[in-house]
């Protein structure tokens, strides 16, 4: 059994299922991505949840997770992924030119 955090649309979930695990729960902060994930993986429990900010209204801590043999966590798109088009457009960049502001020096 596996739990998938920052699950997005479910690509990583598919990979862990190909590896022989059954995903019992997936979580993402984005309602649309969670809906798509649920359509792709209807057998899993789904949470729309903030897994990072303990002050968020929809926060869940690691203590809330179901017991599983495998815990996987995709890379958060909020600050790191080139999939964050809002950040790219705000900076006047294409996705391929995007720089993570947390890694800038100066």
N, C-alpha and C. Protein backbone atom coordinates (compact mmCIF):
# COMPACT_ATOMS: atom_id res chain seq x y z
N UNK A 1 0.84 -1.17 0.00
CA UNK A 1 0.00 0.00 0.00
C UNK A 1 0.89 1.24 0.00
N UNK A 2 0.41 2.30 -0.70
CA UNK A 2 1.21 3.51 -0.84
C UNK A 2 0.36 4.76 -0.63
N UNK A 3 1.01 5.81 -0.16
CA UNK A 3 0.42 7.14 -0.03
C UNK A 3 1.22 8.07 -0.92
N UNK A 4 0.52 8.88 -1.72
CA UNK A 4 1.16 9.79 -2.68
C UNK A 4 0.84 11.23 -2.29
N UNK A 5 1.87 11.99 -1.91
CA UNK A 5 1.70 13.39 -1.55
C UNK A 5 2.12 14.28 -2.70
N UNK A 6 1.52 15.46 -2.81
CA UNK A 6 1.76 16.39 -3.93
C UNK A 6 1.51 15.63 -5.24
N UNK A 7 0.37 14.94 -5.29
CA UNK A 7 0.10 13.93 -6.31
C UNK A 7 -0.21 14.44 -7.71
N UNK A 8 -0.53 15.73 -7.85
CA UNK A 8 -0.80 16.26 -9.18
C UNK A 8 -1.88 15.47 -9.90
N UNK A 9 -1.67 15.22 -11.19
CA UNK A 9 -2.64 14.48 -11.98
C UNK A 9 -2.49 12.96 -11.83
N UNK A 10 -1.40 12.49 -11.27
CA UNK A 10 -1.28 11.06 -10.99
C UNK A 10 -0.21 10.30 -11.74
N UNK A 11 0.73 10.99 -12.36
CA UNK A 11 1.80 10.29 -13.07
C UNK A 11 2.67 9.46 -12.15
N UNK A 12 3.05 10.03 -11.02
CA UNK A 12 3.86 9.29 -10.05
C UNK A 12 3.06 8.13 -9.47
N UNK A 13 1.78 8.36 -9.22
CA UNK A 13 0.90 7.30 -8.73
C UNK A 13 0.90 6.13 -9.71
N UNK A 14 0.80 6.44 -10.97
CA UNK A 14 0.81 5.37 -11.99
C UNK A 14 2.11 4.59 -11.93
N UNK A 15 3.21 5.29 -11.77
CA UNK A 15 4.50 4.62 -11.68
C UNK A 15 4.61 3.69 -10.48
N UNK A 16 4.13 4.15 -9.33
CA UNK A 16 4.24 3.28 -8.16
C UNK A 16 3.27 2.09 -8.26
N UNK A 17 2.18 2.28 -8.98
CA UNK A 17 1.28 1.16 -9.20
C UNK A 17 1.87 0.15 -10.17
N UNK A 18 2.58 0.63 -11.18
CA UNK A 18 3.28 -0.28 -12.09
C UNK A 18 4.33 -1.08 -11.32
N UNK A 19 4.92 -0.44 -10.30
CA UNK A 19 5.93 -1.11 -9.46
C UNK A 19 5.30 -2.13 -8.51
N UNK A 20 3.96 -2.20 -8.47
CA UNK A 20 3.30 -3.24 -7.69
C UNK A 20 2.61 -2.76 -6.42
N UNK A 21 2.59 -1.47 -6.18
CA UNK A 21 1.93 -0.94 -4.99
C UNK A 21 0.50 -0.50 -5.32
N UNK A 22 -0.37 -0.56 -4.35
CA UNK A 22 -1.72 -0.03 -4.46
C UNK A 22 -1.75 1.30 -3.72
N UNK A 23 -2.14 2.35 -4.42
CA UNK A 23 -2.22 3.66 -3.79
C UNK A 23 -3.52 3.76 -3.02
N UNK A 24 -3.42 3.97 -1.71
CA UNK A 24 -4.62 4.05 -0.89
C UNK A 24 -5.04 5.49 -0.61
N UNK A 25 -4.12 6.46 -0.79
CA UNK A 25 -4.44 7.85 -0.53
C UNK A 25 -3.53 8.75 -1.34
N UNK A 26 -4.10 9.84 -1.86
CA UNK A 26 -3.34 10.84 -2.60
C UNK A 26 -3.79 12.22 -2.12
N UNK A 27 -2.84 13.15 -2.06
CA UNK A 27 -3.17 14.50 -1.58
C UNK A 27 -2.51 15.55 -2.46
N UNK A 28 -3.25 16.64 -2.69
CA UNK A 28 -2.73 17.79 -3.41
C UNK A 28 -3.50 19.02 -2.95
N UNK A 29 -2.87 20.19 -3.02
CA UNK A 29 -3.54 21.42 -2.58
C UNK A 29 -4.50 21.97 -3.64
N UNK A 30 -4.37 21.51 -4.87
CA UNK A 30 -5.14 22.06 -5.98
C UNK A 30 -6.38 21.21 -6.25
N UNK A 31 -7.58 21.79 -6.08
CA UNK A 31 -8.81 21.00 -6.28
C UNK A 31 -8.94 20.39 -7.67
N UNK A 32 -8.57 21.14 -8.72
CA UNK A 32 -8.68 20.60 -10.08
C UNK A 32 -7.76 19.40 -10.27
N UNK A 33 -6.51 19.53 -9.82
CA UNK A 33 -5.58 18.40 -9.96
C UNK A 33 -6.06 17.19 -9.17
N UNK A 34 -6.66 17.44 -8.02
CA UNK A 34 -7.19 16.34 -7.23
C UNK A 34 -8.36 15.66 -7.95
N UNK A 35 -9.21 16.44 -8.61
CA UNK A 35 -10.32 15.87 -9.38
C UNK A 35 -9.79 15.00 -10.52
N UNK A 36 -8.79 15.48 -11.23
CA UNK A 36 -8.22 14.70 -12.33
C UNK A 36 -7.58 13.44 -11.78
N UNK A 37 -6.85 13.58 -10.67
CA UNK A 37 -6.21 12.40 -10.06
C UNK A 37 -7.27 11.37 -9.68
N UNK A 38 -8.37 11.84 -9.11
CA UNK A 38 -9.43 10.93 -8.70
C UNK A 38 -10.07 10.23 -9.90
N UNK A 39 -10.20 10.94 -11.02
CA UNK A 39 -10.72 10.31 -12.24
C UNK A 39 -9.75 9.24 -12.75
N UNK A 40 -8.45 9.49 -12.63
CA UNK A 40 -7.44 8.53 -13.08
C UNK A 40 -7.22 7.39 -12.09
N UNK A 41 -7.49 7.64 -10.81
CA UNK A 41 -7.21 6.66 -9.75
C UNK A 41 -8.38 6.63 -8.76
N UNK A 42 -9.55 6.16 -9.20
CA UNK A 42 -10.75 6.24 -8.36
C UNK A 42 -10.71 5.37 -7.11
N UNK A 43 -9.82 4.41 -7.06
CA UNK A 43 -9.73 3.50 -5.92
C UNK A 43 -9.08 4.14 -4.70
N UNK A 44 -8.37 5.26 -4.87
CA UNK A 44 -7.65 5.89 -3.77
C UNK A 44 -8.52 6.92 -3.06
N UNK A 45 -8.27 7.10 -1.78
CA UNK A 45 -8.87 8.20 -1.03
C UNK A 45 -8.16 9.48 -1.47
N UNK A 46 -8.88 10.57 -1.59
CA UNK A 46 -8.28 11.83 -2.06
C UNK A 46 -8.49 12.95 -1.07
N UNK A 47 -7.41 13.70 -0.82
CA UNK A 47 -7.47 14.87 0.04
C UNK A 47 -7.10 16.10 -0.76
N UNK A 48 -7.89 17.14 -0.63
CA UNK A 48 -7.48 18.47 -1.07
C UNK A 48 -6.94 19.11 0.20
N UNK A 49 -5.62 19.22 0.27
CA UNK A 49 -5.01 19.61 1.53
C UNK A 49 -3.69 20.33 1.35
N UNK A 50 -3.43 21.25 2.25
CA UNK A 50 -2.12 21.88 2.34
C UNK A 50 -1.27 21.00 3.24
N UNK A 51 -0.17 20.52 2.73
CA UNK A 51 0.69 19.62 3.49
C UNK A 51 1.93 20.33 4.02
N UNK A 52 2.00 21.64 3.81
CA UNK A 52 3.21 22.39 4.14
C UNK A 52 2.97 23.43 5.23
N UNK A 53 1.92 24.22 5.09
CA UNK A 53 1.69 25.37 5.97
C UNK A 53 0.75 25.01 7.12
N UNK A 54 1.27 24.87 8.34
CA UNK A 54 0.41 24.49 9.47
C UNK A 54 -0.65 25.54 9.82
N UNK A 55 -0.51 26.74 9.29
CA UNK A 55 -1.49 27.79 9.54
C UNK A 55 -2.66 27.75 8.54
N UNK A 56 -2.55 26.96 7.50
CA UNK A 56 -3.60 26.87 6.47
C UNK A 56 -4.83 26.15 7.02
N UNK A 57 -6.00 26.59 6.58
CA UNK A 57 -7.26 26.00 7.05
C UNK A 57 -7.38 24.53 6.67
N UNK A 58 -6.78 24.13 5.55
CA UNK A 58 -6.89 22.73 5.09
C UNK A 58 -5.61 21.93 5.35
N UNK A 59 -4.82 22.35 6.33
CA UNK A 59 -3.56 21.68 6.66
C UNK A 59 -3.80 20.29 7.22
N UNK A 60 -2.97 19.34 6.81
CA UNK A 60 -2.93 18.01 7.40
C UNK A 60 -1.47 17.69 7.70
N UNK A 61 -1.20 17.16 8.85
CA UNK A 61 0.17 16.80 9.20
C UNK A 61 0.42 15.33 8.85
N UNK A 62 1.66 14.91 8.98
CA UNK A 62 2.03 13.52 8.70
C UNK A 62 1.29 12.56 9.64
N UNK A 63 0.92 13.03 10.80
CA UNK A 63 0.18 12.18 11.75
C UNK A 63 -1.20 11.79 11.22
N UNK A 64 -1.73 12.58 10.28
CA UNK A 64 -3.05 12.32 9.72
C UNK A 64 -3.04 11.26 8.61
N UNK A 65 -1.87 10.92 8.11
CA UNK A 65 -1.78 10.00 6.98
C UNK A 65 -2.12 8.57 7.39
N UNK A 66 -2.73 7.82 6.49
CA UNK A 66 -2.98 6.41 6.80
C UNK A 66 -1.68 5.61 6.77
N UNK A 67 -1.68 4.51 7.49
CA UNK A 67 -0.50 3.63 7.50
C UNK A 67 -0.32 3.05 6.10
N UNK A 68 0.93 3.00 5.65
CA UNK A 68 1.24 2.47 4.31
C UNK A 68 2.65 1.90 4.31
N UNK A 69 2.93 1.08 3.31
CA UNK A 69 4.27 0.51 3.15
C UNK A 69 5.21 1.48 2.44
N UNK A 70 4.64 2.39 1.65
CA UNK A 70 5.45 3.31 0.84
C UNK A 70 4.83 4.70 0.89
N UNK A 71 5.67 5.69 1.14
CA UNK A 71 5.26 7.08 1.09
C UNK A 71 6.05 7.74 -0.03
N UNK A 72 5.34 8.32 -1.00
CA UNK A 72 6.00 9.02 -2.10
C UNK A 72 5.52 10.47 -2.09
N UNK A 73 6.39 11.35 -2.55
CA UNK A 73 6.02 12.76 -2.61
C UNK A 73 6.64 13.36 -3.86
N UNK A 74 5.79 13.80 -4.77
CA UNK A 74 6.27 14.47 -5.97
C UNK A 74 6.83 15.83 -5.62
N UNK A 75 7.52 16.42 -6.56
CA UNK A 75 8.08 17.75 -6.35
C UNK A 75 6.96 18.76 -6.38
N UNK A 76 6.92 19.62 -5.39
CA UNK A 76 5.88 20.65 -5.31
C UNK A 76 6.02 21.62 -6.47
N UNK A 77 4.92 21.88 -7.18
CA UNK A 77 4.98 22.79 -8.33
C UNK A 77 4.94 24.25 -7.91
N UNK A 78 4.61 24.52 -6.67
CA UNK A 78 4.42 25.89 -6.23
C UNK A 78 5.67 26.74 -6.42
N UNK A 79 6.82 26.23 -6.06
CA UNK A 79 8.05 27.02 -6.18
C UNK A 79 9.10 26.44 -7.11
N UNK A 80 8.97 25.19 -7.45
CA UNK A 80 10.07 24.53 -8.14
C UNK A 80 9.80 24.12 -9.58
N UNK A 81 8.56 23.83 -9.90
CA UNK A 81 8.26 23.23 -11.18
C UNK A 81 8.12 24.26 -12.30
N UNK A 82 8.52 23.87 -13.49
CA UNK A 82 8.30 24.70 -14.67
C UNK A 82 6.83 24.72 -15.04
N UNK A 83 6.02 23.89 -14.38
CA UNK A 83 4.59 23.88 -14.63
C UNK A 83 3.89 25.09 -13.99
N UNK A 84 4.60 25.88 -13.24
CA UNK A 84 4.01 27.05 -12.58
C UNK A 84 3.97 28.22 -13.56
N UNK A 85 2.97 28.20 -14.43
CA UNK A 85 2.87 29.22 -15.48
C UNK A 85 2.57 30.60 -14.92
N UNK A 86 1.85 30.68 -13.83
CA UNK A 86 1.54 31.99 -13.24
C UNK A 86 2.82 32.72 -12.87
N UNK A 87 3.75 32.02 -12.24
CA UNK A 87 5.02 32.63 -11.86
C UNK A 87 5.80 33.07 -13.10
N UNK A 88 5.79 32.24 -14.13
CA UNK A 88 6.52 32.58 -15.35
C UNK A 88 5.95 33.84 -15.99
N UNK A 89 4.64 33.92 -16.10
CA UNK A 89 4.03 35.09 -16.72
C UNK A 89 4.25 36.35 -15.90
N UNK A 90 4.20 36.23 -14.58
CA UNK A 90 4.45 37.39 -13.72
C UNK A 90 5.86 37.93 -13.92
N UNK A 91 6.80 37.06 -14.21
CA UNK A 91 8.19 37.46 -14.42
C UNK A 91 8.46 37.80 -15.88
N UNK A 92 7.43 37.68 -16.76
CA UNK A 92 7.61 37.98 -18.17
C UNK A 92 8.50 36.98 -18.88
N UNK A 93 8.48 35.73 -18.43
CA UNK A 93 9.35 34.70 -18.99
C UNK A 93 8.54 33.57 -19.62
N UNK A 94 9.21 32.78 -20.44
CA UNK A 94 8.63 31.52 -20.86
C UNK A 94 8.98 30.50 -19.77
N UNK A 95 8.33 29.36 -19.80
CA UNK A 95 8.61 28.35 -18.78
C UNK A 95 10.06 27.89 -18.79
N UNK A 96 10.71 27.96 -19.94
CA UNK A 96 12.09 27.47 -20.02
C UNK A 96 13.10 28.46 -19.48
N UNK A 97 12.69 29.72 -19.29
CA UNK A 97 13.59 30.74 -18.75
C UNK A 97 13.35 31.01 -17.27
N UNK A 98 12.36 30.37 -16.67
CA UNK A 98 11.93 30.66 -15.32
C UNK A 98 13.03 30.36 -14.30
N UNK A 99 13.26 31.33 -13.42
CA UNK A 99 14.21 31.15 -12.33
C UNK A 99 13.45 31.13 -11.02
N UNK A 100 13.77 30.22 -10.13
CA UNK A 100 13.15 30.15 -8.82
C UNK A 100 13.73 31.28 -7.99
N UNK A 101 12.89 32.23 -7.52
CA UNK A 101 13.40 33.36 -6.77
C UNK A 101 14.13 32.97 -5.49
N UNK A 102 13.83 31.80 -4.93
CA UNK A 102 14.50 31.39 -3.71
C UNK A 102 15.95 30.97 -3.95
N UNK A 103 16.34 30.79 -5.21
CA UNK A 103 17.71 30.38 -5.49
C UNK A 103 18.57 31.53 -6.04
N UNK A 104 17.97 32.69 -6.21
CA UNK A 104 18.72 33.84 -6.72
C UNK A 104 19.66 34.43 -5.68
N UNK A 105 20.76 34.93 -6.12
CA UNK A 105 21.70 35.58 -5.22
C UNK A 105 21.74 37.06 -5.53
N UNK A 106 21.99 37.85 -4.51
CA UNK A 106 22.14 39.26 -4.81
C UNK A 106 21.42 40.16 -3.92
